[in-house]
Amino acid sequence: MVSTSQDAGDRAKQERRRQILAAAKAVFADAGYHGASINAIIERAQIARGTFYLYFESKAAVFDSILDQAMADLRARIKRIEVEDKAAPAPQVQLRAQIVAILEYIVHDRALATLLLSAGHTPEAEASERLDAFFTEVRNLVKRALETGMEIGLTRRCNVDLASAALLGMIRGVIEEVLRQDGAITVDDVVSEMLMVALRGVLK
């Protein structure tokens, strides 16, 4: 009985933390890091000030937690391409499925996408540095994916530093365009075009 009560308490704490993170993400997306305040987050989350400080010590701490959760969620969607299991889909099919899953995660969370696209536009040094670190980690994920692709013969030999930077730039541009068109294009269509550009370029 004590264990069940404790489990319920833990779930309630996790849900309250998610509630605060969701509210903070919306506030950062609406006001930017500089314009966001703990008061605005508290009001959006409909919690007491003391409750906020039970979970986060500052605006910077909750901002970091949003990016940490986003990175964990992205990593969970990236799997090694299976080439030895004959029952597995073709490597190109696996790659496409992963890109779709990653983009759907980002564009379906408009607040997160807006926050991520603010990189390079925020005057706050601490937020800018944290966003830069986030995208450096994403670029490293892309770089390792390219290296794996070369190992299994899925991608050509290339300068992985340049290629990963170029692909990251394309991904950010695509996310911005999807948000701008607001549902006029689907993630599936976007991924098809991305793969055509990434794999074949734009020449006839």
C-alpha atoms as a PDB file:
ATOM      1  CA  MET A   1       0.000   0.000   0.000  1.00  0.00           C
ATOM      2  CA  VAL A   2       2.859   2.351   0.866  1.00  0.00           C
ATOM      3  CA  SER A   3       4.551   1.458  -2.409  1.00  0.00           C
ATOM      4  CA  THR A   4       1.404   2.198  -4.397  1.00  0.00           C
ATOM      5  CA  SER A   5       1.003   5.536  -2.625  1.00  0.00           C
ATOM      6  CA  GLN A   6       4.629   6.390  -3.296  1.00  0.00           C
ATOM      7  CA  ASP A   7       4.269   5.465  -6.970  1.00  0.00           C
ATOM      8  CA  ALA A   8       1.229   7.708  -7.238  1.00  0.00           C
ATOM      9  CA  GLY A   9       3.181  10.534  -5.608  1.00  0.00           C
ATOM     10  CA  ASP A  10       6.095  10.054  -8.017  1.00  0.00           C
ATOM     11  CA  ARG A  11       3.738  10.104 -10.990  1.00  0.00           C
ATOM     12  CA  ALA A  12       2.137  13.285  -9.713  1.00  0.00           C
ATOM     13  CA  LYS A  13       5.562  14.934  -9.387  1.00  0.00           C
ATOM     14  CA  GLN A  14       6.538  13.850 -12.891  1.00  0.00           C
ATOM     15  CA  GLU A  15       3.265  15.192 -14.271  1.00  0.00           C
ATOM     16  CA  ARG A  16       3.717  18.518 -12.459  1.00  0.00           C
ATOM     17  CA  ARG A  17       7.247  18.801 -13.847  1.00  0.00           C
ATOM     18  CA  ARG A  18       5.946  18.111 -17.369  1.00  0.00           C
ATOM     19  CA  GLN A  19       3.252  20.745 -16.789  1.00  0.00           C
ATOM     20  CA  ILE A  20       5.860  23.355 -15.866  1.00  0.00           C
ATOM     21  CA  LEU A  21       8.095  22.428 -18.813  1.00  0.00           C
ATOM     22  CA  ALA A  22       5.184  22.661 -21.253  1.00  0.00           C
ATOM     23  CA  ALA A  23       4.202  26.066 -19.893  1.00  0.00           C
ATOM     24  CA  ALA A  24       7.786  27.319 -19.987  1.00  0.00           C
ATOM     25  CA  LYS A  25       8.240  26.088 -23.553  1.00  0.00           C
ATOM     26  CA  ALA A  26       5.150  28.026 -24.640  1.00  0.00           C
ATOM     27  CA  VAL A  27       6.325  31.169 -22.850  1.00  0.00           C
ATOM     28  CA  PHE A  28       9.816  30.976 -24.388  1.00  0.00           C
ATOM     29  CA  ALA A  29       8.267  30.432 -27.835  1.00  0.00           C
ATOM     30  CA  ASP A  30       5.912  33.416 -27.430  1.00  0.00           C
ATOM     31  CA  ALA A  31       8.237  35.891 -25.725  1.00  0.00           C
ATOM     32  CA  GLY A  32      11.738  34.648 -26.494  1.00  0.00           C
ATOM     33  CA  TYR A  33      14.230  33.862 -23.773  1.00  0.00           C
ATOM     34  CA  HIS A  34      14.868  37.529 -23.004  1.00  0.00           C
ATOM     35  CA  GLY A  35      11.173  38.391 -22.724  1.00  0.00           C
ATOM     36  CA  ALA A  36      10.199  35.298 -20.770  1.00  0.00           C
ATOM     37  CA  SER A  37       9.837  35.510 -17.007  1.00  0.00           C
ATOM     38  CA  ILE A  38       9.248  33.102 -14.164  1.00  0.00           C
ATOM     39  CA  ASN A  39       6.020  34.980 -13.430  1.00  0.00           C
ATOM     40  CA  ALA A  40       4.762  34.288 -16.951  1.00  0.00           C
ATOM     41  CA  ILE A  41       5.674  30.606 -16.640  1.00  0.00           C
ATOM     42  CA  ILE A  42       3.893  30.357 -13.288  1.00  0.00           C
ATOM     43  CA  GLU A  43       0.773  31.991 -14.710  1.00  0.00           C
ATOM     44  CA  ARG A  44       0.769  29.749 -17.795  1.00  0.00           C
ATOM     45  CA  ALA A  45       1.247  26.628 -15.658  1.00  0.00           C
ATOM     46  CA  GLN A  46      -1.325  27.850 -13.102  1.00  0.00           C
ATOM     47  CA  ILE A  47       0.891  26.995 -10.156  1.00  0.00           C
ATOM     48  CA  ALA A  48       2.180  28.777  -7.070  1.00  0.00           C
ATOM     49  CA  ARG A  49       5.639  30.399  -7.160  1.00  0.00           C
ATOM     50  CA  GLY A  50       6.834  28.009  -4.472  1.00  0.00           C
ATOM     51  CA  THR A  51       5.815  25.051  -6.609  1.00  0.00           C
ATOM     52  CA  PHE A  52       7.987  26.290  -9.470  1.00  0.00           C
ATOM     53  CA  TYR A  53      11.025  26.499  -7.195  1.00  0.00           C
ATOM     54  CA  LEU A  54      10.461  22.957  -5.956  1.00  0.00           C
ATOM     55  CA  TYR A  55      11.383  21.818  -9.472  1.00  0.00           C
ATOM     56  CA  PHE A  56      13.611  24.525 -10.958  1.00  0.00           C
ATOM     57  CA  GLU A  57      15.910  27.083  -9.421  1.00  0.00           C
ATOM     58  CA  SER A  58      15.795  29.618 -12.257  1.00  0.00           C
ATOM     59  CA  LYS A  59      14.615  30.508 -15.751  1.00  0.00           C
ATOM     60  CA  ALA A  60      17.914  29.186 -17.103  1.00  0.00           C
ATOM     61  CA  ALA A  61      17.402  25.849 -15.341  1.00  0.00           C
ATOM     62  CA  VAL A  62      13.974  25.260 -16.877  1.00  0.00           C
ATOM     63  CA  PHE A  63      15.310  26.328 -20.305  1.00  0.00           C
ATOM     64  CA  ASP A  64      18.138  23.796 -19.980  1.00  0.00           C
ATOM     65  CA  SER A  65      15.674  21.083 -19.000  1.00  0.00           C
ATOM     66  CA  ILE A  66      13.567  21.743 -22.111  1.00  0.00           C
ATOM     67  CA  LEU A  67      16.615  21.330 -24.351  1.00  0.00           C
ATOM     68  CA  ASP A  68      17.832  18.274 -22.425  1.00  0.00           C
ATOM     69  CA  GLN A  69      14.439  16.601 -22.856  1.00  0.00           C
ATOM     70  CA  ALA A  70      14.376  17.489 -26.553  1.00  0.00           C
ATOM     71  CA  MET A  71      17.797  15.933 -27.050  1.00  0.00           C
ATOM     72  CA  ALA A  72      16.782  12.788 -25.167  1.00  0.00           C
ATOM     73  CA  ASP A  73      13.643  12.512 -27.318  1.00  0.00           C
ATOM     74  CA  LEU A  74      15.661  12.955 -30.525  1.00  0.00           C
ATOM     75  CA  ARG A  75      18.187  10.324 -29.469  1.00  0.00           C
ATOM     76  CA  ALA A  76      15.343   7.889 -28.755  1.00  0.00           C
ATOM     77  CA  ARG A  77      14.220   8.240 -32.381  1.00  0.00           C
ATOM     78  CA  ILE A  78      17.636   7.520 -33.863  1.00  0.00           C
ATOM     79  CA  LYS A  79      18.408   3.856 -34.343  1.00  0.00           C
ATOM     80  CA  ARG A  80      21.321   2.110 -36.004  1.00  0.00           C
ATOM     81  CA  ILE A  81      20.427   1.035 -39.540  1.00  0.00           C
ATOM     82  CA  GLU A  82      20.027  -2.750 -39.592  1.00  0.00           C
ATOM     83  CA  VAL A  83      21.797  -4.335 -42.581  1.00  0.00           C
ATOM     84  CA  GLU A  84      22.439  -7.896 -41.399  1.00  0.00           C
ATOM     85  CA  ASP A  85      18.864  -8.901 -40.558  1.00  0.00           C
ATOM     86  CA  LYS A  86      17.335 -10.064 -43.829  1.00  0.00           C
ATOM     87  CA  ALA A  87      13.854  -9.510 -42.420  1.00  0.00           C
ATOM     88  CA  ALA A  88      14.576  -5.823 -41.818  1.00  0.00           C
ATOM     89  CA  PRO A  89      13.364  -3.207 -44.320  1.00  0.00           C
ATOM     90  CA  ALA A  90      15.879  -1.887 -46.855  1.00  0.00           C
ATOM     91  CA  PRO A  91      18.402   0.574 -45.310  1.00  0.00           C
ATOM     92  CA  GLN A  92      16.923   3.460 -47.321  1.00  0.00           C
ATOM     93  CA  VAL A  93      13.460   2.659 -45.918  1.00  0.00           C
ATOM     94  CA  GLN A  94      14.813   2.568 -42.363  1.00  0.00           C
ATOM     95  CA  LEU A  95      16.605   5.883 -42.892  1.00  0.00           C
ATOM     96  CA  ARG A  96      13.475   7.535 -44.248  1.00  0.00           C
ATOM     97  CA  ALA A  97      11.366   6.285 -41.338  1.00  0.00           C
ATOM     98  CA  GLN A  98      13.806   7.754 -38.839  1.00  0.00           C
ATOM     99  CA  ILE A  99      13.888  11.149 -40.557  1.00  0.00           C
ATOM    100  CA  VAL A 100      10.071  11.214 -40.639  1.00  0.00           C
ATOM    101  CA  ALA A 101       9.918  10.373 -36.910  1.00  0.00           C
ATOM    102  CA  ILE A 102      12.426  13.102 -36.023  1.00  0.00           C
ATOM    103  CA  LEU A 103      10.751  15.823 -38.089  1.00  0.00           C
ATOM    104  CA  GLU A 104       7.262  14.876 -36.902  1.00  0.00           C
ATOM    105  CA  TYR A 105       8.423  15.137 -33.296  1.00  0.00           C
ATOM    106  CA  ILE A 106       9.773  18.649 -33.873  1.00  0.00           C
ATOM    107  CA  VAL A 107       7.132  20.208 -36.120  1.00  0.00           C
ATOM    108  CA  HIS A 108       4.212  18.767 -34.143  1.00  0.00           C
ATOM    109  CA  ASP A 109       5.574  20.582 -31.084  1.00  0.00           C
ATOM    110  CA  ARG A 110       5.351  24.097 -32.493  1.00  0.00           C
ATOM    111  CA  ALA A 111       6.563  25.733 -29.275  1.00  0.00           C
ATOM    112  CA  LEU A 112       9.707  23.595 -29.260  1.00  0.00           C
ATOM    113  CA  ALA A 113      10.335  24.211 -32.967  1.00  0.00           C
ATOM    114  CA  THR A 114       9.933  27.968 -32.486  1.00  0.00           C
ATOM    115  CA  LEU A 115      12.286  27.901 -29.505  1.00  0.00           C
ATOM    116  CA  LEU A 116      14.932  25.948 -31.448  1.00  0.00           C
ATOM    117  CA  LEU A 117      14.704  28.263 -34.436  1.00  0.00           C
ATOM    118  CA  SER A 118      15.437  31.228 -32.151  1.00  0.00           C
ATOM    119  CA  ALA A 119      19.097  30.152 -32.084  1.00  0.00           C
ATOM    120  CA  GLY A 120      21.226  33.037 -33.309  1.00  0.00           C
ATOM    121  CA  HIS A 121      18.462  35.589 -32.655  1.00  0.00           C
ATOM    122  CA  THR A 122      18.414  35.789 -28.872  1.00  0.00           C
ATOM    123  CA  PRO A 123      20.370  38.610 -27.182  1.00  0.00           C
ATOM    124  CA  GLU A 124      20.856  36.594 -23.992  1.00  0.00           C
ATOM    125  CA  ALA A 125      24.348  35.071 -23.977  1.00  0.00           C
ATOM    126  CA  GLU A 126      23.386  32.148 -21.723  1.00  0.00           C
ATOM    127  CA  ALA A 127      20.466  31.130 -23.942  1.00  0.00           C
ATOM    128  CA  SER A 128      22.499  31.585 -27.125  1.00  0.00           C
ATOM    129  CA  GLU A 129      25.326  29.442 -25.772  1.00  0.00           C
ATOM    130  CA  ARG A 130      22.914  26.723 -24.655  1.00  0.00           C
ATOM    131  CA  LEU A 131      21.186  26.629 -28.042  1.00  0.00           C
ATOM    132  CA  ASP A 132      24.572  26.545 -29.787  1.00  0.00           C
ATOM    133  CA  ALA A 133      25.562  23.587 -27.609  1.00  0.00           C
ATOM    134  CA  PHE A 134      22.287  21.836 -28.466  1.00  0.00           C
ATOM    135  CA  PHE A 135      22.852  22.206 -32.204  1.00  0.00           C
ATOM    136  CA  THR A 136      26.483  21.164 -31.871  1.00  0.00           C
ATOM    137  CA  GLU A 137      25.234  17.957 -30.307  1.00  0.00           C
ATOM    138  CA  VAL A 138      22.687  17.511 -33.109  1.00  0.00           C
ATOM    139  CA  ARG A 139      25.416  18.076 -35.704  1.00  0.00           C
ATOM    140  CA  ASN A 140      27.544  15.447 -33.985  1.00  0.00           C
ATOM    141  CA  LEU A 141      24.611  13.007 -34.185  1.00  0.00           C
ATOM    142  CA  VAL A 142      24.335  13.687 -37.925  1.00  0.00           C
ATOM    143  CA  LYS A 143      28.097  13.286 -38.292  1.00  0.00           C
ATOM    144  CA  ARG A 144      28.058   9.899 -36.561  1.00  0.00           C
ATOM    145  CA  ALA A 145      25.107   8.835 -38.720  1.00  0.00           C
ATOM    146  CA  LEU A 146      27.099   9.731 -41.852  1.00  0.00           C
ATOM    147  CA  GLU A 147      30.105   7.800 -40.583  1.00  0.00           C
ATOM    148  CA  THR A 148      27.908   4.773 -39.950  1.00  0.00           C
ATOM    149  CA  GLY A 149      26.356   5.199 -43.392  1.00  0.00           C
ATOM    150  CA  MET A 150      29.793   5.072 -44.986  1.00  0.00           C
ATOM    151  CA  GLU A 151      30.725   1.994 -42.959  1.00  0.00           C
ATOM    152  CA  ILE A 152      27.705   0.033 -44.198  1.00  0.00           C
ATOM    153  CA  GLY A 153      27.890   1.353 -47.743  1.00  0.00           C
ATOM    154  CA  LEU A 154      24.686   3.406 -47.552  1.00  0.00           C
ATOM    155  CA  THR A 155      26.344   6.782 -48.197  1.00  0.00           C
ATOM    156  CA  ARG A 156      29.315   7.862 -50.304  1.00  0.00           C
ATOM    157  CA  ARG A 157      32.643   8.882 -48.829  1.00  0.00           C
ATOM    158  CA  CYS A 158      32.487  12.546 -47.864  1.00  0.00           C
ATOM    159  CA  ASN A 159      33.858  15.217 -45.569  1.00  0.00           C
ATOM    160  CA  VAL A 160      31.573  14.448 -42.629  1.00  0.00           C
ATOM    161  CA  ASP A 161      32.166  17.801 -40.938  1.00  0.00           C
ATOM    162  CA  LEU A 162      31.042  19.767 -43.992  1.00  0.00           C
ATOM    163  CA  ALA A 163      28.252  17.342 -44.881  1.00  0.00           C
ATOM    164  CA  SER A 164      26.814  17.290 -41.341  1.00  0.00           C
ATOM    165  CA  ALA A 165      26.845  21.104 -41.192  1.00  0.00           C
ATOM    166  CA  ALA A 166      25.091  21.293 -44.580  1.00  0.00           C
ATOM    167  CA  LEU A 167      22.457  18.726 -43.603  1.00  0.00           C
ATOM    168  CA  LEU A 168      21.787  20.465 -40.299  1.00  0.00           C
ATOM    169  CA  GLY A 169      21.295  23.745 -42.131  1.00  0.00           C
ATOM    170  CA  MET A 170      18.834  22.069 -44.483  1.00  0.00           C
ATOM    171  CA  ILE A 171      16.917  20.518 -41.588  1.00  0.00           C
ATOM    172  CA  ARG A 172      16.585  23.874 -39.823  1.00  0.00           C
ATOM    173  CA  GLY A 173      15.454  25.522 -43.043  1.00  0.00           C
ATOM    174  CA  VAL A 174      12.899  22.800 -43.685  1.00  0.00           C
ATOM    175  CA  ILE A 175      11.453  23.084 -40.160  1.00  0.00           C
ATOM    176  CA  GLU A 176      11.106  26.851 -40.594  1.00  0.00           C
ATOM    177  CA  GLU A 177       9.310  26.383 -43.933  1.00  0.00           C
ATOM    178  CA  VAL A 178       6.939  23.738 -42.545  1.00  0.00           C
ATOM    179  CA  LEU A 179       5.992  26.062 -39.690  1.00  0.00           C
ATOM    180  CA  ARG A 180       5.566  28.983 -42.076  1.00  0.00           C
ATOM    181  CA  GLN A 181       3.203  27.011 -44.320  1.00  0.00           C
ATOM    182  CA  ASP A 182       1.285  25.845 -41.229  1.00  0.00           C
ATOM    183  CA  GLY A 183       0.071  22.439 -42.383  1.00  0.00           C
ATOM    184  CA  ALA A 184       0.031  23.126 -46.119  1.00  0.00           C
ATOM    185  CA  ILE A 185       2.765  20.537 -46.621  1.00  0.00           C
ATOM    186  CA  THR A 186       3.153  17.213 -44.850  1.00  0.00           C
ATOM    187  CA  VAL A 187       6.241  15.857 -43.138  1.00  0.00           C
ATOM    188  CA  ASP A 188       6.121  12.925 -45.542  1.00  0.00           C
ATOM    189  CA  ASP A 189       6.353  15.282 -48.534  1.00  0.00           C
ATOM    190  CA  VAL A 190       9.131  17.235 -46.858  1.00  0.00           C
ATOM    191  CA  VAL A 191      11.209  14.140 -46.207  1.00  0.00           C
ATOM    192  CA  SER A 192      10.832  12.993 -49.818  1.00  0.00           C
ATOM    193  CA  GLU A 193      12.167  16.339 -51.039  1.00  0.00           C
ATOM    194  CA  MET A 194      14.951  16.381 -48.428  1.00  0.00           C
ATOM    195  CA  LEU A 195      16.166  12.954 -49.454  1.00  0.00           C
ATOM    196  CA  MET A 196      16.075  13.902 -53.133  1.00  0.00           C
ATOM    197  CA  VAL A 197      18.193  16.977 -52.450  1.00  0.00           C
ATOM    198  CA  ALA A 198      20.532  15.263 -50.002  1.00  0.00           C
ATOM    199  CA  LEU A 199      21.078  12.157 -52.129  1.00  0.00           C
ATOM    200  CA  ARG A 200      20.833  13.539 -55.659  1.00  0.00           C
ATOM    201  CA  GLY A 201      21.216  17.310 -55.443  1.00  0.00           C
ATOM    202  CA  VAL A 202      19.074  19.609 -57.579  1.00  0.00           C
ATOM    203  CA  LEU A 203      20.616  19.062 -61.018  1.00  0.00           C
ATOM    204  CA  LYS A 204      18.758  17.068 -63.686  1.00  0.00           C
END
